[in-house]
Amino acid sequence: MSYHFFETKKESALEHLSREEILTDFRHMLLIRQFESRAESAYQAGRVGGFFHSYAGQEAIQTAAVRACGLKDWYSTTYRCHALALLLGATTDELMAELYGRETGNAKGRGGSMHFYTESLLGGFGIVGGQVPIGTGAAFTCKYLGQKDRISLCFMGDGAVAQGAFHESLNMAALWDLPCLYVIENNKWGMGTAAHRAISVSAIAETKAVGYGMQGYTIDGMDYLHCYEAFRFFKEEIIRTGKPILVEAITERLKGHSISDPALYRDKNILATCTDPIVAMKKLILEKGFSTEEEMEKMDKELREKVVASMKYAEESPWPNIATLEEGVFAP
């Protein structure tokens, strides 16, 4: 399927990004990939329980979004939340400890893989579409408090578009002019169902946005520079107009839906030809002379060692005390 991507100029992105920022974001993307890879191996070794959904293959989207929009906006996302937590300041130690279910974890071992938080990350959500009303509420807060330079970014998968919460939230955001950027990360599969078999339209954002009277765009989620320039424009536009925007980022997941999914329904030949955003970013860096192959390999090795050390930290961390099980739990 061919897509009509939002028009950006990579030269413009390079004018707004320094060499150091590009290398920092490449480092972030490598860290995300290393974290997902090592955490997956820990799961397979029986160290991690529950669910586990890898963000491998989608790193360019949220890395670029955080670079373009900053750390002070509100963020909410799916159960594929490891990357965004790392980008928003969570440490590999606290996240790995959370996966291991330890007291030193990000949510004190209570949340596991699908529920990470930071000061600006309102959480990963295990219910499909569960974060969409939350992201909308964060946008309402920005408007209610008169925070004109702050927006809410709400990430979701293509499967969330079929949920009622999606319709109700976008309808409300459009009615009330809420500063929310809704981002559909379309990795072409909702669990094991192809997106085109579950969603009645193609060009999801551009088609759906019309029904809510808002702007809709499609972007290339495998291209960091394209994503950065697009997100920079989207935030400026939301701040200027005070209105929400719906975006569809076309991407690929390099793994099955979750760790228990071998993805046998996918054509392995097609998967083998998928663009890898990290390989594309590496090529860009080499072309611009920002770094060398050896330096990037050294960076990757250092990050691998960092994540392995976090696995050791998690293994040695204490289990939660059962006496504190009900602490931090709210029930009306």
C-alpha atoms as a PDB file:
ATOM      1  CA  MET A   1       0.000   0.000   0.000  1.00  0.00           C
ATOM      2  CA  SER A   2       1.306   3.462  -0.867  1.00  0.00           C
ATOM      3  CA  TYR A   3       0.857   6.393   1.512  1.00  0.00           C
ATOM      4  CA  HIS A   4       0.658  10.131   1.029  1.00  0.00           C
ATOM      5  CA  PHE A   5       3.046  11.386   3.704  1.00  0.00           C
ATOM      6  CA  PHE A   6       2.972  14.843   5.256  1.00  0.00           C
ATOM      7  CA  GLU A   7       5.452  16.961   3.324  1.00  0.00           C
ATOM      8  CA  THR A   8       8.635  17.818   5.203  1.00  0.00           C
ATOM      9  CA  LYS A   9      12.162  18.758   4.198  1.00  0.00           C
ATOM     10  CA  LYS A  10      15.010  16.863   5.825  1.00  0.00           C
ATOM     11  CA  GLU A  11      17.221  19.890   5.273  1.00  0.00           C
ATOM     12  CA  SER A  12      14.872  21.876   7.513  1.00  0.00           C
ATOM     13  CA  ALA A  13      15.099  19.250  10.244  1.00  0.00           C
ATOM     14  CA  LEU A  14      18.888  19.339  10.066  1.00  0.00           C
ATOM     15  CA  GLU A  15      18.778  23.120  10.462  1.00  0.00           C
ATOM     16  CA  HIS A  16      16.887  22.743  13.744  1.00  0.00           C
ATOM     17  CA  LEU A  17      18.894  19.808  15.090  1.00  0.00           C
ATOM     18  CA  SER A  18      22.509  19.914  16.194  1.00  0.00           C
ATOM     19  CA  ARG A  19      24.982  17.090  15.689  1.00  0.00           C
ATOM     20  CA  GLU A  20      24.858  16.417  19.432  1.00  0.00           C
ATOM     21  CA  GLU A  21      21.058  16.175  19.457  1.00  0.00           C
ATOM     22  CA  ILE A  22      21.043  13.717  16.560  1.00  0.00           C
ATOM     23  CA  LEU A  23      23.694  11.548  18.210  1.00  0.00           C
ATOM     24  CA  THR A  24      21.831  11.723  21.519  1.00  0.00           C
ATOM     25  CA  ASP A  25      18.648  10.535  19.858  1.00  0.00           C
ATOM     26  CA  PHE A  26      20.524   7.777  18.045  1.00  0.00           C
ATOM     27  CA  ARG A  27      21.804   6.729  21.456  1.00  0.00           C
ATOM     28  CA  HIS A  28      18.226   6.748  22.756  1.00  0.00           C
ATOM     29  CA  MET A  29      17.100   4.523  19.897  1.00  0.00           C
ATOM     30  CA  LEU A  30      19.950   2.097  20.523  1.00  0.00           C
ATOM     31  CA  LEU A  31      19.140   2.029  24.237  1.00  0.00           C
ATOM     32  CA  ILE A  32      15.491   1.242  23.517  1.00  0.00           C
ATOM     33  CA  ARG A  33      16.482  -1.619  21.203  1.00  0.00           C
ATOM     34  CA  GLN A  34      18.996  -3.005  23.701  1.00  0.00           C
ATOM     35  CA  PHE A  35      16.493  -2.754  26.546  1.00  0.00           C
ATOM     36  CA  GLU A  36      13.821  -4.584  24.560  1.00  0.00           C
ATOM     37  CA  SER A  37      16.263  -7.267  23.439  1.00  0.00           C
ATOM     38  CA  ARG A  38      17.726  -7.964  26.899  1.00  0.00           C
ATOM     39  CA  ALA A  39      14.351  -7.773  28.637  1.00  0.00           C
ATOM     40  CA  GLU A  40      12.965 -10.260  26.130  1.00  0.00           C
ATOM     41  CA  SER A  41      15.790 -12.670  26.919  1.00  0.00           C
ATOM     42  CA  ALA A  42      15.063 -12.240  30.645  1.00  0.00           C
ATOM     43  CA  TYR A  43      11.431 -13.096  29.983  1.00  0.00           C
ATOM     44  CA  GLN A  44      12.382 -16.208  28.044  1.00  0.00           C
ATOM     45  CA  ALA A  45      14.654 -17.226  30.937  1.00  0.00           C
ATOM     46  CA  GLY A  46      11.712 -17.026  33.329  1.00  0.00           C
ATOM     47  CA  ARG A  47      12.918 -13.883  35.132  1.00  0.00           C
ATOM     48  CA  VAL A  48      10.000 -11.767  33.906  1.00  0.00           C
ATOM     49  CA  GLY A  49       6.339 -12.753  34.072  1.00  0.00           C
ATOM     50  CA  GLY A  50       3.059 -11.404  32.784  1.00  0.00           C
ATOM     51  CA  PHE A  51       2.896  -9.696  29.406  1.00  0.00           C
ATOM     52  CA  PHE A  52       5.680  -8.158  27.330  1.00  0.00           C
ATOM     53  CA  HIS A  53       5.249  -6.062  24.182  1.00  0.00           C
ATOM     54  CA  SER A  54       8.368  -4.913  22.325  1.00  0.00           C
ATOM     55  CA  TYR A  55       8.716  -1.485  20.698  1.00  0.00           C
ATOM     56  CA  ALA A  56      11.502  -2.742  18.406  1.00  0.00           C
ATOM     57  CA  GLY A  57      11.085  -1.228  14.953  1.00  0.00           C
ATOM     58  CA  GLN A  58       9.094   1.807  16.061  1.00  0.00           C
ATOM     59  CA  GLU A  59      11.867   3.738  17.844  1.00  0.00           C
ATOM     60  CA  ALA A  60      11.977   6.697  15.452  1.00  0.00           C
ATOM     61  CA  ILE A  61       8.440   7.870  16.254  1.00  0.00           C
ATOM     62  CA  GLN A  62       8.527   8.522  19.971  1.00  0.00           C
ATOM     63  CA  THR A  63      12.208   9.497  19.967  1.00  0.00           C
ATOM     64  CA  ALA A  64      11.457  12.225  17.428  1.00  0.00           C
ATOM     65  CA  ALA A  65       8.248  13.257  19.196  1.00  0.00           C
ATOM     66  CA  VAL A  66       9.985  13.803  22.517  1.00  0.00           C
ATOM     67  CA  ARG A  67      12.829  15.700  20.827  1.00  0.00           C
ATOM     68  CA  ALA A  68      10.379  17.959  18.977  1.00  0.00           C
ATOM     69  CA  CYS A  69       7.904  18.530  21.802  1.00  0.00           C
ATOM     70  CA  GLY A  70      10.046  18.311  24.921  1.00  0.00           C
ATOM     71  CA  LEU A  71       9.749  16.779  28.371  1.00  0.00           C
ATOM     72  CA  LYS A  72       7.151  19.156  29.826  1.00  0.00           C
ATOM     73  CA  ASP A  73       4.144  18.041  27.791  1.00  0.00           C
ATOM     74  CA  TRP A  74       1.793  15.284  28.965  1.00  0.00           C
ATOM     75  CA  TYR A  75       2.274  11.838  27.459  1.00  0.00           C
ATOM     76  CA  SER A  76       0.141   8.697  27.501  1.00  0.00           C
ATOM     77  CA  THR A  77       0.608   5.483  25.577  1.00  0.00           C
ATOM     78  CA  THR A  78      -0.203   1.821  25.084  1.00  0.00           C
ATOM     79  CA  TYR A  79       1.131  -1.260  26.858  1.00  0.00           C
ATOM     80  CA  ARG A  80       4.115  -0.959  24.457  1.00  0.00           C
ATOM     81  CA  CYS A  81       5.457   1.656  26.878  1.00  0.00           C
ATOM     82  CA  HIS A  82       9.107   0.861  27.613  1.00  0.00           C
ATOM     83  CA  ALA A  83      10.516   3.263  25.020  1.00  0.00           C
ATOM     84  CA  LEU A  84       8.518   6.307  26.058  1.00  0.00           C
ATOM     85  CA  ALA A  85       9.387   5.787  29.710  1.00  0.00           C
ATOM     86  CA  LEU A  86      13.102   5.695  28.858  1.00  0.00           C
ATOM     87  CA  LEU A  87      12.786   8.799  26.669  1.00  0.00           C
ATOM     88  CA  LEU A  88      11.017  10.680  29.462  1.00  0.00           C
ATOM     89  CA  GLY A  89      13.680  10.035  32.057  1.00  0.00           C
ATOM     90  CA  ALA A  90      13.044   6.652  33.649  1.00  0.00           C
ATOM     91  CA  THR A  91      16.236   4.672  34.277  1.00  0.00           C
ATOM     92  CA  THR A  92      17.025   1.233  32.923  1.00  0.00           C
ATOM     93  CA  ASP A  93      17.459   0.077  36.542  1.00  0.00           C
ATOM     94  CA  GLU A  94      13.961   1.024  37.673  1.00  0.00           C
ATOM     95  CA  LEU A  95      12.318  -0.265  34.495  1.00  0.00           C
ATOM     96  CA  MET A  96      14.121  -3.601  34.506  1.00  0.00           C
ATOM     97  CA  ALA A  97      13.362  -3.992  38.221  1.00  0.00           C
ATOM     98  CA  GLU A  98       9.700  -3.367  37.439  1.00  0.00           C
ATOM     99  CA  LEU A  99       9.749  -6.112  34.827  1.00  0.00           C
ATOM    100  CA  TYR A 100      11.267  -8.414  37.434  1.00  0.00           C
ATOM    101  CA  GLY A 101       8.495  -7.433  39.875  1.00  0.00           C
ATOM    102  CA  ARG A 102      10.866  -5.979  42.451  1.00  0.00           C
ATOM    103  CA  GLU A 103      10.351  -3.310  45.110  1.00  0.00           C
ATOM    104  CA  THR A 104      12.892  -1.004  43.411  1.00  0.00           C
ATOM    105  CA  GLY A 105      10.831  -1.001  40.225  1.00  0.00           C
ATOM    106  CA  ASN A 106       9.205   1.966  38.537  1.00  0.00           C
ATOM    107  CA  ALA A 107       5.820   1.060  40.087  1.00  0.00           C
ATOM    108  CA  LYS A 108       7.304  -0.826  43.040  1.00  0.00           C
ATOM    109  CA  GLY A 109       6.849  -4.117  41.238  1.00  0.00           C
ATOM    110  CA  ARG A 110       3.064  -3.729  41.025  1.00  0.00           C
ATOM    111  CA  GLY A 111       2.661  -2.778  37.374  1.00  0.00           C
ATOM    112  CA  GLY A 112       5.027  -4.895  35.331  1.00  0.00           C
ATOM    113  CA  SER A 113       5.728  -4.387  31.638  1.00  0.00           C
ATOM    114  CA  MET A 114       2.533  -2.585  30.681  1.00  0.00           C
ATOM    115  CA  HIS A 115       2.461   0.142  33.347  1.00  0.00           C
ATOM    116  CA  PHE A 116       5.422   2.537  33.426  1.00  0.00           C
ATOM    117  CA  TYR A 117       5.266   6.136  34.649  1.00  0.00           C
ATOM    118  CA  THR A 118       7.337   9.311  34.894  1.00  0.00           C
ATOM    119  CA  GLU A 119       6.459  12.870  35.916  1.00  0.00           C
ATOM    120  CA  SER A 120       5.074  13.537  32.445  1.00  0.00           C
ATOM    121  CA  LEU A 121       4.124   9.990  31.400  1.00  0.00           C
ATOM    122  CA  LEU A 122       0.621   9.217  32.646  1.00  0.00           C
ATOM    123  CA  GLY A 123       1.202   5.548  32.099  1.00  0.00           C
ATOM    124  CA  GLY A 124       1.158   2.663  29.742  1.00  0.00           C
ATOM    125  CA  PHE A 125      -2.344   1.180  29.495  1.00  0.00           C
ATOM    126  CA  GLY A 126      -3.161  -2.505  29.194  1.00  0.00           C
ATOM    127  CA  ILE A 127      -6.659  -1.879  27.857  1.00  0.00           C
ATOM    128  CA  VAL A 128      -6.727  -1.121  24.119  1.00  0.00           C
ATOM    129  CA  GLY A 129      -7.682   2.548  23.796  1.00  0.00           C
ATOM    130  CA  GLY A 130      -7.698   3.035  27.578  1.00  0.00           C
ATOM    131  CA  GLN A 131      -5.179   5.861  27.356  1.00  0.00           C
ATOM    132  CA  VAL A 132      -7.180   7.913  24.844  1.00  0.00           C
ATOM    133  CA  PRO A 133      -9.621   9.406  27.400  1.00  0.00           C
ATOM    134  CA  ILE A 134      -6.668   9.971  29.753  1.00  0.00           C
ATOM    135  CA  GLY A 135      -4.701  11.850  27.099  1.00  0.00           C
ATOM    136  CA  THR A 136      -7.814  13.873  26.327  1.00  0.00           C
ATOM    137  CA  GLY A 137      -8.205  14.718  30.011  1.00  0.00           C
ATOM    138  CA  ALA A 138      -4.590  15.885  30.144  1.00  0.00           C
ATOM    139  CA  ALA A 139      -5.300  18.194  27.211  1.00  0.00           C
ATOM    140  CA  PHE A 140      -8.349  19.536  29.058  1.00  0.00           C
ATOM    141  CA  THR A 141      -6.099  20.240  32.052  1.00  0.00           C
ATOM    142  CA  CYS A 142      -3.721  22.260  29.865  1.00  0.00           C
ATOM    143  CA  LYS A 143      -6.604  24.362  28.582  1.00  0.00           C
ATOM    144  CA  TYR A 144      -8.317  24.708  31.958  1.00  0.00           C
ATOM    145  CA  LEU A 145      -5.094  25.921  33.600  1.00  0.00           C
ATOM    146  CA  GLY A 146      -4.281  28.255  30.730  1.00  0.00           C
ATOM    147  CA  GLN A 147      -1.009  26.465  29.906  1.00  0.00           C
ATOM    148  CA  LYS A 148      -0.827  27.710  26.338  1.00  0.00           C
ATOM    149  CA  ASP A 149       2.642  26.265  25.644  1.00  0.00           C
ATOM    150  CA  ARG A 150       1.776  22.770  26.809  1.00  0.00           C
ATOM    151  CA  ILE A 151      -0.025  19.990  24.957  1.00  0.00           C
ATOM    152  CA  SER A 152      -0.966  16.348  25.481  1.00  0.00           C
ATOM    153  CA  LEU A 153       0.486  13.628  23.245  1.00  0.00           C
ATOM    154  CA  CYS A 154      -1.543  10.430  23.167  1.00  0.00           C
ATOM    155  CA  PHE A 155      -0.062   7.393  21.410  1.00  0.00           C
ATOM    156  CA  MET A 156      -2.154   4.411  20.354  1.00  0.00           C
ATOM    157  CA  GLY A 157      -2.043   1.439  18.017  1.00  0.00           C
ATOM    158  CA  ASP A 158      -4.159   1.033  14.913  1.00  0.00           C
ATOM    159  CA  GLY A 159      -6.432  -1.358  16.812  1.00  0.00           C
ATOM    160  CA  ALA A 160      -7.517   1.404  19.205  1.00  0.00           C
ATOM    161  CA  VAL A 161      -9.252   3.240  16.365  1.00  0.00           C
ATOM    162  CA  ALA A 162     -12.090   0.685  16.473  1.00  0.00           C
ATOM    163  CA  GLN A 163     -12.759   1.331  20.169  1.00  0.00           C
ATOM    164  CA  GLY A 164     -15.639   3.523  21.316  1.00  0.00           C
ATOM    165  CA  ALA A 165     -13.307   5.470  23.597  1.00  0.00           C
ATOM    166  CA  PHE A 166     -11.462   6.712  20.513  1.00  0.00           C
ATOM    167  CA  HIS A 167     -14.627   8.219  19.007  1.00  0.00           C
ATOM    168  CA  GLU A 168     -15.892   9.733  22.241  1.00  0.00           C
ATOM    169  CA  SER A 169     -12.519  11.257  23.107  1.00  0.00           C
ATOM    170  CA  LEU A 170     -11.844  12.799  19.708  1.00  0.00           C
ATOM    171  CA  ASN A 171     -15.396  14.108  19.485  1.00  0.00           C
ATOM    172  CA  MET A 172     -14.990  15.791  22.874  1.00  0.00           C
ATOM    173  CA  ALA A 173     -11.536  17.167  22.008  1.00  0.00           C
ATOM    174  CA  ALA A 174     -12.927  18.676  18.806  1.00  0.00           C
ATOM    175  CA  LEU A 175     -15.974  20.141  20.544  1.00  0.00           C
ATOM    176  CA  TRP A 176     -13.919  21.750  23.296  1.00  0.00           C
ATOM    177  CA  ASP A 177     -10.814  22.686  21.251  1.00  0.00           C
ATOM    178  CA  LEU A 178      -8.427  20.670  23.395  1.00  0.00           C
ATOM    179  CA  PRO A 179      -4.667  20.815  22.680  1.00  0.00           C
ATOM    180  CA  CYS A 180      -4.137  17.106  22.078  1.00  0.00           C
ATOM    181  CA  LEU A 181      -1.951  15.379  19.506  1.00  0.00           C
ATOM    182  CA  TYR A 182      -3.358  11.904  18.894  1.00  0.00           C
ATOM    183  CA  VAL A 183      -0.791   9.607  17.283  1.00  0.00           C
ATOM    184  CA  ILE A 184      -1.835   6.288  15.755  1.00  0.00           C
ATOM    185  CA  GLU A 185       1.264   4.096  15.496  1.00  0.00           C
ATOM    186  CA  ASN A 186       0.086   1.873  12.658  1.00  0.00           C
ATOM    187  CA  ASN A 187       2.410  -1.132  12.632  1.00  0.00           C
ATOM    188  CA  LYS A 188      -0.100  -2.837  10.314  1.00  0.00           C
ATOM    189  CA  TRP A 189      -1.158  -5.508  12.801  1.00  0.00           C
ATOM    190  CA  GLY A 190      -3.674  -5.508  15.652  1.00  0.00           C
ATOM    191  CA  MET A 191      -2.420  -8.578  17.503  1.00  0.00           C
ATOM    192  CA  GLY A 192      -2.629 -11.121  14.662  1.00  0.00           C
ATOM    193  CA  THR A 193      -5.177  -9.309  12.504  1.00  0.00           C
ATOM    194  CA  ALA A 194      -4.005  -7.181   9.597  1.00  0.00           C
ATOM    195  CA  ALA A 195      -5.100  -3.557  10.008  1.00  0.00           C
ATOM    196  CA  HIS A 196      -6.876  -3.523   6.652  1.00  0.00           C
ATOM    197  CA  ARG A 197      -9.106  -6.379   7.857  1.00  0.00           C
ATOM    198  CA  ALA A 198     -10.058  -4.583  11.071  1.00  0.00           C
ATOM    199  CA  ILE A 199     -10.234  -0.898  10.157  1.00  0.00           C
ATOM    200  CA  SER A 200     -12.715   0.037   7.432  1.00  0.00           C
ATOM    201  CA  VAL A 201     -10.650   2.839   5.891  1.00  0.00           C
ATOM    202  CA  SER A 202      -7.073   3.371   4.763  1.00  0.00           C
ATOM    203  CA  ALA A 203      -5.253   6.645   5.475  1.00  0.00           C
ATOM    204  CA  ILE A 204      -6.795   6.307   8.927  1.00  0.00           C
ATOM    205  CA  ALA A 205      -5.968   9.729  10.362  1.00  0.00           C
ATOM    206  CA  GLU A 206      -6.761  11.708   7.225  1.00  0.00           C
ATOM    207  CA  THR A 207     -10.084   9.895   6.789  1.00  0.00           C
ATOM    208  CA  LYS A 208     -11.193   9.791  10.424  1.00  0.00           C
ATOM    209  CA  ALA A 209     -10.153  13.367  11.252  1.00  0.00           C
ATOM    210  CA  VAL A 210     -12.682  14.773   8.789  1.00  0.00           C
ATOM    211  CA  GLY A 211     -15.529  13.367  10.864  1.00  0.00           C
ATOM    212  CA  TYR A 212     -14.360  15.331  13.894  1.00  0.00           C
ATOM    213  CA  GLY A 213     -13.592  18.562  12.091  1.00  0.00           C
ATOM    214  CA  MET A 214      -9.894  18.334  12.853  1.00  0.00           C
ATOM    215  CA  GLN A 215      -6.722  18.101  10.802  1.00  0.00           C
ATOM    216  CA  GLY A 216      -5.385  14.626   9.979  1.00  0.00           C
ATOM    217  CA  TYR A 217      -1.953  13.681   8.665  1.00  0.00           C
ATOM    218  CA  THR A 218       0.082  10.604   7.706  1.00  0.00           C
ATOM    219  CA  ILE A 219       3.801  10.401   8.463  1.00  0.00           C
ATOM    220  CA  ASP A 220       6.633   7.944   7.806  1.00  0.00           C
ATOM    221  CA  GLY A 221       7.264   6.408  11.211  1.00  0.00           C
ATOM    222  CA  MET A 222      10.502   4.767  10.075  1.00  0.00           C
ATOM    223  CA  ASP A 223      12.236   8.072   9.258  1.00  0.00           C
ATOM    224  CA  TYR A 224      13.516   9.985  12.294  1.00  0.00           C
ATOM    225  CA  LEU A 225      14.106  13.307  10.507  1.00  0.00           C
ATOM    226  CA  HIS A 226      10.685  13.202   8.868  1.00  0.00           C
ATOM    227  CA  CYS A 227       9.033  12.439  12.201  1.00  0.00           C
ATOM    228  CA  TYR A 228      10.931  15.187  13.993  1.00  0.00           C
ATOM    229  CA  GLU A 229      10.002  17.878  11.483  1.00  0.00           C
ATOM    230  CA  ALA A 230       6.380  16.696  11.420  1.00  0.00           C
ATOM    231  CA  PHE A 231       6.002  16.663  15.217  1.00  0.00           C
ATOM    232  CA  ARG A 232       7.631  20.083  15.457  1.00  0.00           C
ATOM    233  CA  PHE A 233       5.006  21.428  13.043  1.00  0.00           C
ATOM    234  CA  PHE A 234       2.123  19.638  14.790  1.00  0.00           C
ATOM    235  CA  LYS A 235       2.964  21.083  18.200  1.00  0.00           C
ATOM    236  CA  GLU A 236       3.352  24.597  16.801  1.00  0.00           C
ATOM    237  CA  GLU A 237       0.011  24.234  15.019  1.00  0.00           C
ATOM    238  CA  ILE A 238      -1.796  22.998  18.135  1.00  0.00           C
ATOM    239  CA  ILE A 239      -0.396  25.845  20.216  1.00  0.00           C
ATOM    240  CA  ARG A 240      -1.333  28.357  17.520  1.00  0.00           C
ATOM    241  CA  THR A 241      -4.900  27.126  17.030  1.00  0.00           C
ATOM    242  CA  GLY A 242      -5.663  25.423  20.337  1.00  0.00           C
ATOM    243  CA  LYS A 243      -7.204  22.566  18.356  1.00  0.00           C
ATOM    244  CA  PRO A 244      -6.438  18.824  18.360  1.00  0.00           C
ATOM    245  CA  ILE A 245      -4.666  16.979  15.522  1.00  0.00           C
ATOM    246  CA  LEU A 246      -4.860  13.313  14.504  1.00  0.00           C
ATOM    247  CA  VAL A 247      -1.734  11.662  13.059  1.00  0.00           C
ATOM    248  CA  GLU A 248      -1.067   8.218  11.636  1.00  0.00           C
ATOM    249  CA  ALA A 249       2.563   7.101  11.786  1.00  0.00           C
ATOM    250  CA  ILE A 250       3.212   4.207   9.403  1.00  0.00           C
ATOM    251  CA  THR A 251       5.682   1.831  11.002  1.00  0.00           C
ATOM    252  CA  GLU A 252       6.607  -1.831  11.482  1.00  0.00           C
ATOM    253  CA  ARG A 253       6.923  -3.990  14.528  1.00  0.00           C
ATOM    254  CA  LEU A 254       9.922  -6.284  14.178  1.00  0.00           C
ATOM    255  CA  LYS A 255       8.448  -8.771  16.649  1.00  0.00           C
ATOM    256  CA  GLY A 256       5.111 -10.463  17.178  1.00  0.00           C
ATOM    257  CA  HIS A 257       2.333  -8.656  19.005  1.00  0.00           C
ATOM    258  CA  SER A 258       3.738  -9.840  22.325  1.00  0.00           C
ATOM    259  CA  ILE A 259       6.508 -12.146  23.430  1.00  0.00           C
ATOM    260  CA  SER A 260       4.159 -15.139  23.235  1.00  0.00           C
ATOM    261  CA  ASP A 261       3.366 -14.428  19.572  1.00  0.00           C
ATOM    262  CA  PRO A 262       5.722 -16.076  17.020  1.00  0.00           C
ATOM    263  CA  ALA A 263       3.973 -14.078  14.234  1.00  0.00           C
ATOM    264  CA  LEU A 264       3.643 -17.100  11.958  1.00  0.00           C
ATOM    265  CA  TYR A 265       0.896 -15.257  10.074  1.00  0.00           C
ATOM    266  CA  ARG A 266       3.432 -12.771   8.649  1.00  0.00           C
ATOM    267  CA  ASP A 267       5.273 -13.214   5.381  1.00  0.00           C
ATOM    268  CA  LYS A 268       8.894 -13.630   6.439  1.00  0.00           C
ATOM    269  CA  ASN A 269      10.155 -12.405   3.055  1.00  0.00           C
ATOM    270  CA  ILE A 270       8.301  -9.117   3.497  1.00  0.00           C
ATOM    271  CA  LEU A 271       9.460  -8.802   7.094  1.00  0.00           C
ATOM    272  CA  ALA A 272      13.073  -9.315   5.990  1.00  0.00           C
ATOM    273  CA  THR A 273      12.828  -6.305   3.676  1.00  0.00           C
ATOM    274  CA  CYS A 274      11.332  -3.948   6.285  1.00  0.00           C
ATOM    275  CA  THR A 275      13.183  -0.728   6.945  1.00  0.00           C
ATOM    276  CA  ASP A 276      14.929  -0.636  10.302  1.00  0.00           C
ATOM    277  CA  PRO A 277      14.832   2.935  11.726  1.00  0.00           C
ATOM    278  CA  ILE A 278      18.103   2.386  13.565  1.00  0.00           C
ATOM    279  CA  VAL A 279      19.898   1.243  10.406  1.00  0.00           C
ATOM    280  CA  ALA A 280      18.439   4.254   8.572  1.00  0.00           C
ATOM    281  CA  MET A 281      19.590   6.597  11.346  1.00  0.00           C
ATOM    282  CA  LYS A 282      23.057   5.062  11.307  1.00  0.00           C
ATOM    283  CA  LYS A 283      23.291   5.617   7.559  1.00  0.00           C
ATOM    284  CA  LEU A 284      22.303   9.276   7.983  1.00  0.00           C
ATOM    285  CA  ILE A 285      24.942   9.808  10.670  1.00  0.00           C
ATOM    286  CA  LEU A 286      27.656   8.271   8.497  1.00  0.00           C
ATOM    287  CA  GLU A 287      26.610  10.311   5.459  1.00  0.00           C
ATOM    288  CA  LYS A 288      26.749  13.556   7.456  1.00  0.00           C
ATOM    289  CA  GLY A 289      30.057  12.640   9.068  1.00  0.00           C
ATOM    290  CA  PHE A 290      28.598  12.985  12.561  1.00  0.00           C
ATOM    291  CA  SER A 291      30.261   9.788  13.781  1.00  0.00           C
ATOM    292  CA  THR A 292      32.104   6.691  12.604  1.00  0.00           C
ATOM    293  CA  GLU A 293      31.125   3.034  12.402  1.00  0.00           C
ATOM    294  CA  GLU A 294      33.582   2.233  15.202  1.00  0.00           C
ATOM    295  CA  GLU A 295      32.232   4.963  17.493  1.00  0.00           C
ATOM    296  CA  MET A 296      28.649   3.824  17.005  1.00  0.00           C
ATOM    297  CA  GLU A 297      29.579   0.199  17.652  1.00  0.00           C
ATOM    298  CA  LYS A 298      31.302   1.323  20.852  1.00  0.00           C
ATOM    299  CA  MET A 299      28.166   3.242  21.846  1.00  0.00           C
ATOM    300  CA  ASP A 300      26.014   0.175  21.239  1.00  0.00           C
ATOM    301  CA  LYS A 301      28.361  -2.003  23.310  1.00  0.00           C
ATOM    302  CA  GLU A 302      28.275   0.477  26.212  1.00  0.00           C
ATOM    303  CA  LEU A 303      24.480   0.544  26.153  1.00  0.00           C
ATOM    304  CA  ARG A 304      24.316  -3.251  26.035  1.00  0.00           C
ATOM    305  CA  GLU A 305      26.535  -3.402  29.115  1.00  0.00           C
ATOM    306  CA  LYS A 306      24.362  -0.787  30.810  1.00  0.00           C
ATOM    307  CA  VAL A 307      21.214  -2.847  30.277  1.00  0.00           C
ATOM    308  CA  VAL A 308      22.943  -6.088  31.357  1.00  0.00           C
ATOM    309  CA  ALA A 309      23.994  -4.294  34.565  1.00  0.00           C
ATOM    310  CA  SER A 310      20.358  -3.305  35.094  1.00  0.00           C
ATOM    311  CA  MET A 311      19.362  -6.948  34.799  1.00  0.00           C
ATOM    312  CA  LYS A 312      21.818  -7.744  37.589  1.00  0.00           C
ATOM    313  CA  TYR A 313      20.420  -4.847  39.635  1.00  0.00           C
ATOM    314  CA  ALA A 314      16.905  -6.172  39.173  1.00  0.00           C
ATOM    315  CA  GLU A 315      17.894  -9.713  40.067  1.00  0.00           C
ATOM    316  CA  GLU A 316      19.498  -8.535  43.297  1.00  0.00           C
ATOM    317  CA  SER A 317      16.666  -6.165  44.257  1.00  0.00           C
ATOM    318  CA  PRO A 318      14.215  -7.221  47.010  1.00  0.00           C
ATOM    319  CA  TRP A 319      10.726  -8.511  46.375  1.00  0.00           C
ATOM    320  CA  PRO A 320       7.865  -6.272  47.575  1.00  0.00           C
ATOM    321  CA  ASN A 321       6.770  -6.875  51.151  1.00  0.00           C
ATOM    322  CA  ILE A 322       3.303  -8.395  51.138  1.00  0.00           C
ATOM    323  CA  ALA A 323       2.394  -6.121  54.068  1.00  0.00           C
ATOM    324  CA  THR A 324       2.616  -3.132  51.698  1.00  0.00           C
ATOM    325  CA  LEU A 325       0.490  -4.720  48.992  1.00  0.00           C
ATOM    326  CA  GLU A 326      -2.424  -2.302  49.400  1.00  0.00           C
ATOM    327  CA  GLU A 327      -0.317   0.851  49.613  1.00  0.00           C
ATOM    328  CA  GLY A 328      -0.849   3.280  46.757  1.00  0.00           C
ATOM    329  CA  VAL A 329      -4.077   1.593  45.704  1.00  0.00           C
ATOM    330  CA  PHE A 330      -7.100   3.858  45.229  1.00  0.00           C
ATOM    331  CA  ALA A 331     -10.635   2.466  45.178  1.00  0.00           C
ATOM    332  CA  PRO A 332     -13.723   4.726  45.350  1.00  0.00           C
END
